[in-house]
Structures are given as structure tokens and as C-alpha cells.
Amino acid sequence: MPQHTPAAPVCRDCDGFATATITTGNRHADGSRATLRVTCPTCKGTGHTTPAAARVRVGK
């Protein structure tokens, strides 16, 4: 049986769609549309989150 690797958890803020292109409605001189590329700040554009590191308790 092939071994499957567990899937990384999907980012809760972008639901896995980490990058979006938004059309501004304007056009450049060559006729192409002006767009903005936006990435999710939580997952840094990967679409997945890393598991939380173990918490370290300091003090009493």
C-alpha cells in the first residue's frame, strides 16, 4: 500500500485561495488591464498553515 502524507491544514483566513488578482478597471497605454495582486497575510501566500509550535510555560 502506498503511504499518503497528511495534508497540511488549509489557512482559515483565505480557505486555500492565498492569492487573488483584482482588476482596477483602468487600462495601461498598451490596452492591457491594470491589476493588483494580493496575497493572504496570514499564510504568506502558501494557502496552508503550519501546525502551532508547542507552548512553553515559563514561571509558576
N, C-alpha and C. Protein backbone atom coordinates (compact mmCIF):
# COMPACT_ATOMS: atom_id res chain seq x y z
N MET A 1 0.84 -1.18 0.00
CA MET A 1 0.00 0.00 0.00
C MET A 1 0.89 1.24 0.00
N PRO A 2 0.56 2.22 -0.84
CA PRO A 2 1.33 3.45 -0.83
C PRO A 2 1.03 4.25 0.43
N GLN A 3 2.05 4.92 0.92
CA GLN A 3 1.89 5.74 2.11
C GLN A 3 1.49 7.15 1.69
N HIS A 4 0.46 7.66 2.30
CA HIS A 4 0.00 9.01 1.99
C HIS A 4 0.49 9.96 3.07
N THR A 5 0.95 11.10 2.63
CA THR A 5 1.36 12.12 3.60
C THR A 5 0.13 12.91 4.02
N PRO A 6 0.03 13.28 5.28
CA PRO A 6 -1.12 14.05 5.71
C PRO A 6 -1.11 15.44 5.06
N ALA A 7 -2.28 15.89 4.68
CA ALA A 7 -2.40 17.20 4.05
C ALA A 7 -2.18 18.30 5.09
N ALA A 8 -1.53 19.36 4.67
CA ALA A 8 -1.32 20.50 5.58
C ALA A 8 -2.66 21.20 5.79
N PRO A 9 -2.91 21.70 6.99
CA PRO A 9 -4.17 22.39 7.25
C PRO A 9 -4.32 23.62 6.36
N VAL A 10 -5.51 23.83 5.85
CA VAL A 10 -5.79 24.97 4.99
C VAL A 10 -5.93 26.22 5.86
N CYS A 11 -5.42 27.32 5.36
CA CYS A 11 -5.47 28.59 6.09
C CYS A 11 -6.93 28.98 6.35
N ARG A 12 -7.25 29.37 7.56
CA ARG A 12 -8.63 29.70 7.91
C ARG A 12 -9.06 31.05 7.37
N ASP A 13 -8.10 31.92 7.04
CA ASP A 13 -8.46 33.26 6.56
C ASP A 13 -8.74 33.30 5.06
N CYS A 14 -8.04 32.47 4.28
CA CYS A 14 -8.23 32.53 2.83
C CYS A 14 -8.82 31.24 2.25
N ASP A 15 -9.05 30.23 3.07
CA ASP A 15 -9.62 28.95 2.63
C ASP A 15 -8.82 28.29 1.50
N GLY A 16 -7.50 28.50 1.47
CA GLY A 16 -6.66 27.87 0.47
C GLY A 16 -6.47 28.69 -0.80
N PHE A 17 -7.23 29.77 -0.97
CA PHE A 17 -7.06 30.65 -2.12
C PHE A 17 -6.21 31.83 -1.67
N ALA A 18 -4.89 31.62 -1.64
CA ALA A 18 -3.98 32.56 -0.99
C ALA A 18 -3.65 33.79 -1.83
N THR A 19 -3.83 33.73 -3.13
CA THR A 19 -3.50 34.86 -3.98
C THR A 19 -4.71 35.21 -4.83
N ALA A 20 -5.02 36.49 -4.90
CA ALA A 20 -6.13 36.96 -5.73
C ALA A 20 -5.64 38.09 -6.61
N THR A 21 -6.15 38.16 -7.84
CA THR A 21 -5.84 39.25 -8.74
C THR A 21 -7.10 40.09 -8.90
N ILE A 22 -6.98 41.36 -8.64
CA ILE A 22 -8.12 42.27 -8.67
C ILE A 22 -7.94 43.25 -9.82
N THR A 23 -8.95 43.37 -10.67
CA THR A 23 -8.90 44.32 -11.76
C THR A 23 -9.37 45.67 -11.26
N THR A 24 -8.59 46.72 -11.55
CA THR A 24 -8.93 48.06 -11.06
C THR A 24 -9.91 48.78 -11.96
N GLY A 25 -10.09 48.30 -13.19
CA GLY A 25 -10.98 48.97 -14.13
C GLY A 25 -10.23 49.91 -15.07
N ASN A 26 -9.01 50.23 -14.75
CA ASN A 26 -8.19 51.09 -15.60
C ASN A 26 -7.42 50.25 -16.61
N ARG A 27 -6.91 50.91 -17.64
CA ARG A 27 -6.11 50.24 -18.65
C ARG A 27 -4.77 50.95 -18.80
N HIS A 28 -3.75 50.17 -19.16
CA HIS A 28 -2.43 50.72 -19.45
C HIS A 28 -2.43 51.30 -20.87
N ALA A 29 -1.36 51.98 -21.24
CA ALA A 29 -1.26 52.58 -22.58
C ALA A 29 -1.33 51.54 -23.69
N ASP A 30 -0.87 50.32 -23.42
CA ASP A 30 -0.91 49.26 -24.44
C ASP A 30 -2.26 48.56 -24.52
N GLY A 31 -3.22 48.94 -23.67
CA GLY A 31 -4.56 48.36 -23.72
C GLY A 31 -4.80 47.24 -22.72
N SER A 32 -3.77 46.77 -22.04
CA SER A 32 -3.97 45.72 -21.04
C SER A 32 -4.57 46.32 -19.77
N ARG A 33 -5.24 45.48 -19.03
CA ARG A 33 -5.90 45.95 -17.81
C ARG A 33 -4.91 46.09 -16.66
N ALA A 34 -5.13 47.11 -15.84
CA ALA A 34 -4.32 47.30 -14.64
C ALA A 34 -4.89 46.41 -13.54
N THR A 35 -4.04 45.58 -12.94
CA THR A 35 -4.48 44.66 -11.90
C THR A 35 -3.61 44.79 -10.66
N LEU A 36 -4.16 44.37 -9.54
CA LEU A 36 -3.44 44.31 -8.28
C LEU A 36 -3.38 42.85 -7.86
N ARG A 37 -2.22 42.41 -7.40
CA ARG A 37 -2.07 41.04 -6.90
C ARG A 37 -1.98 41.11 -5.38
N VAL A 38 -2.88 40.41 -4.70
CA VAL A 38 -2.98 40.45 -3.25
C VAL A 38 -2.75 39.05 -2.70
N THR A 39 -1.89 38.93 -1.68
CA THR A 39 -1.66 37.64 -1.04
C THR A 39 -2.17 37.69 0.40
N CYS A 40 -2.53 36.54 0.91
CA CYS A 40 -3.04 36.42 2.27
C CYS A 40 -1.91 36.72 3.26
N PRO A 41 -2.12 37.67 4.18
CA PRO A 41 -1.06 37.99 5.14
C PRO A 41 -0.86 36.91 6.20
N THR A 42 -1.86 36.09 6.44
CA THR A 42 -1.75 35.06 7.47
C THR A 42 -0.82 33.93 7.04
N CYS A 43 -1.03 33.41 5.83
CA CYS A 43 -0.24 32.26 5.38
C CYS A 43 0.88 32.66 4.42
N LYS A 44 1.02 33.94 4.16
CA LYS A 44 2.07 34.47 3.27
C LYS A 44 1.97 33.91 1.86
N GLY A 45 0.75 33.65 1.41
CA GLY A 45 0.54 33.20 0.04
C GLY A 45 0.70 31.72 -0.20
N THR A 46 0.86 30.91 0.82
CA THR A 46 1.02 29.47 0.62
C THR A 46 -0.32 28.73 0.58
N GLY A 47 -1.33 29.26 1.26
CA GLY A 47 -2.62 28.60 1.31
C GLY A 47 -2.75 27.60 2.44
N HIS A 48 -1.65 27.34 3.14
CA HIS A 48 -1.65 26.37 4.23
C HIS A 48 -1.04 27.01 5.47
N THR A 49 -1.44 26.51 6.60
CA THR A 49 -0.87 26.98 7.85
C THR A 49 0.06 25.91 8.40
N THR A 50 1.02 26.33 9.15
CA THR A 50 1.90 25.37 9.81
C THR A 50 1.33 25.03 11.16
N PRO A 51 1.50 23.83 11.64
CA PRO A 51 0.99 23.48 12.97
C PRO A 51 1.62 24.39 14.03
N ALA A 52 0.84 24.74 15.01
CA ALA A 52 1.34 25.60 16.08
C ALA A 52 2.44 24.90 16.84
N ALA A 53 3.47 25.65 17.17
CA ALA A 53 4.57 25.08 17.95
C ALA A 53 4.08 24.81 19.35
N ALA A 54 4.71 23.88 19.99
CA ALA A 54 4.34 23.55 21.37
C ALA A 54 4.56 24.77 22.27
N ARG A 55 3.61 25.01 23.10
CA ARG A 55 3.72 26.15 24.00
C ARG A 55 4.70 25.83 25.13
N VAL A 56 5.48 26.80 25.46
CA VAL A 56 6.45 26.64 26.54
C VAL A 56 5.97 27.46 27.70
N ARG A 57 5.85 26.81 28.84
CA ARG A 57 5.37 27.50 30.01
C ARG A 57 6.57 27.93 30.85
N VAL A 58 6.62 29.22 31.16
CA VAL A 58 7.73 29.76 31.93
C VAL A 58 7.19 30.31 33.22
N GLY A 59 7.89 30.05 34.30
CA GLY A 59 7.46 30.56 35.61
C GLY A 59 6.51 29.60 36.31
N LYS A 60 5.78 30.15 37.27
CA LYS A 60 4.87 29.33 38.05
C LYS A 60 3.56 29.14 37.39
